[in-house]
């Protein structure tokens, strides 16, 4: 069974950076990608971006392109979300989740890590 644990969240000021980590354990044989999502207060969860097993990345939000970078360390089974030039509107709980081959739905999910950006 695949398990994901996010870490690295915190409280920062606008313009600062954070790096989130998503440690993945368990049977990774049939996963196609790992996605980073976020959920702001009173808003629906949204996909930030994803990384494929071959390392290719894609970003779903125009607001993070050029500021956020997803990467992966195969040896550590860890996926990272580097967030630069953070803005107050980036405040959210950030989650990582696996996208299995042949599936259109993400899961399982980690418990999330809170990111708060003050102005």
Protein backbone atom coordinates (compact mmCIF):
# COMPACT_ATOMS: atom_id res chain seq x y z
CA UNK A 1 0.00 0.00 0.00
CA UNK A 2 1.30 3.42 -0.97
CA UNK A 3 1.63 6.07 1.73
CA UNK A 4 2.52 9.73 1.29
CA UNK A 5 3.72 12.17 3.94
CA UNK A 6 4.07 15.88 3.25
CA UNK A 7 6.38 18.18 5.18
CA UNK A 8 8.04 21.57 4.93
CA UNK A 9 5.08 23.89 5.37
CA UNK A 10 5.21 26.94 7.59
CA UNK A 11 4.57 30.65 7.94
CA UNK A 12 6.56 32.97 5.69
CA UNK A 13 6.34 36.52 4.45
CA UNK A 14 5.42 37.45 0.91
CA UNK A 15 8.39 37.12 -1.40
CA UNK A 16 10.05 34.34 0.57
CA UNK A 17 10.49 30.69 -0.42
CA UNK A 18 9.56 27.27 0.91
CA UNK A 19 10.31 23.75 -0.22
CA UNK A 20 7.71 21.11 0.44
CA UNK A 21 8.57 17.42 0.48
CA UNK A 22 6.37 14.43 -0.24
CA UNK A 23 7.87 11.17 1.00
CA UNK A 24 6.36 8.19 -0.80
CA UNK A 25 6.55 4.66 0.53
CA UNK A 26 5.07 1.34 -0.48
CA UNK A 27 4.49 -0.29 -3.85
CA UNK A 28 5.24 2.32 -6.48
CA UNK A 29 5.18 -0.12 -9.40
CA UNK A 30 2.06 1.13 -11.13
CA UNK A 31 2.09 4.82 -10.42
CA UNK A 32 2.11 7.21 -13.36
CA UNK A 33 2.64 10.52 -11.59
CA UNK A 34 2.66 12.37 -8.30
CA UNK A 35 0.63 15.54 -8.14
CA UNK A 36 0.77 18.51 -5.80
CA UNK A 37 -2.59 20.00 -4.92
CA UNK A 38 -3.68 22.79 -2.61
CA UNK A 39 -6.81 23.83 -0.82
CA UNK A 40 -7.29 27.38 0.43
CA UNK A 41 -9.89 28.22 3.09
CA UNK A 42 -13.44 28.04 1.73
CA UNK A 43 -12.18 26.95 -1.67
CA UNK A 44 -12.08 23.66 -3.52
CA UNK A 45 -8.89 21.68 -3.76
CA UNK A 46 -6.99 22.41 -6.97
CA UNK A 47 -4.15 20.75 -8.83
CA UNK A 48 -0.95 22.78 -8.71
CA UNK A 49 1.16 20.53 -10.90
CA UNK A 50 2.50 17.03 -11.34
CA UNK A 51 5.60 15.08 -12.14
CA UNK A 52 5.58 11.94 -14.26
CA UNK A 53 7.62 8.88 -13.47
CA UNK A 54 10.09 9.89 -16.21
CA UNK A 55 10.61 13.27 -14.53
CA UNK A 56 8.57 15.40 -16.88
CA UNK A 57 6.54 18.08 -15.13
CA UNK A 58 3.43 20.07 -15.84
CA UNK A 59 1.80 22.97 -14.00
CA UNK A 60 -1.94 23.45 -13.92
CA UNK A 61 -2.08 26.96 -12.46
CA UNK A 62 -0.90 29.96 -14.45
CA UNK A 63 -0.36 31.78 -11.15
CA UNK A 64 2.48 29.44 -10.13
CA UNK A 65 4.27 29.06 -13.46
CA UNK A 66 7.74 30.50 -13.18
CA UNK A 67 7.58 30.50 -9.37
CA UNK A 68 6.96 26.85 -8.42
CA UNK A 69 9.09 23.88 -9.47
CA UNK A 70 8.34 20.20 -8.95
CA UNK A 71 11.21 17.74 -8.80
CA UNK A 72 11.83 14.17 -7.72
CA UNK A 73 14.62 12.28 -6.00
CA UNK A 74 14.21 8.64 -7.01
CA UNK A 75 16.78 7.42 -4.49
CA UNK A 76 14.81 8.98 -1.65
CA UNK A 77 11.34 8.28 -3.10
CA UNK A 78 10.60 11.93 -2.47
CA UNK A 79 8.87 14.54 -4.58
CA UNK A 80 9.52 18.22 -3.92
CA UNK A 81 7.61 21.42 -4.53
CA UNK A 82 9.94 24.42 -4.53
CA UNK A 83 7.91 27.58 -4.09
CA UNK A 84 9.59 30.92 -4.71
CA UNK A 85 8.31 34.50 -4.51
CA UNK A 86 5.38 33.36 -2.42
CA UNK A 87 2.23 35.47 -2.34
CA UNK A 88 -0.57 35.67 0.26
CA UNK A 89 -2.87 33.96 -2.25
CA UNK A 90 -0.62 30.88 -2.09
CA UNK A 91 -1.83 30.31 1.47
CA UNK A 92 -3.38 26.84 1.57
CA UNK A 93 -2.97 23.30 2.75
CA UNK A 94 -0.75 21.54 0.24
CA UNK A 95 -1.26 17.86 -0.52
CA UNK A 96 0.53 15.31 -2.64
CA UNK A 97 -1.17 12.32 -4.20
CA UNK A 98 -0.38 9.48 -6.54
CA UNK A 99 -1.95 9.07 -9.96
CA UNK A 100 -1.97 5.39 -10.83
CA UNK A 101 -1.56 4.13 -14.38
CA UNK A 102 -4.88 3.90 -16.13
CA UNK A 103 -6.64 6.03 -13.55
CA UNK A 104 -7.99 9.53 -13.83
CA UNK A 105 -8.39 10.01 -10.09
CA UNK A 106 -5.63 10.76 -7.62
CA UNK A 107 -5.18 8.59 -4.54
CA UNK A 108 -3.99 7.79 -2.02
CA UNK A 109 -3.38 11.22 -0.53
CA UNK A 110 -1.11 12.55 2.15
CA UNK A 111 -2.51 14.50 5.10
CA UNK A 112 -1.24 17.82 3.86
CA UNK A 113 1.04 20.55 5.13
CA UNK A 114 -0.06 24.11 5.88
CA UNK A 115 1.54 27.02 4.05
CA UNK A 116 0.73 30.51 5.27
CA UNK A 117 2.05 33.58 3.48
CA UNK A 118 1.69 36.90 5.26
CA UNK A 119 1.70 40.23 3.47
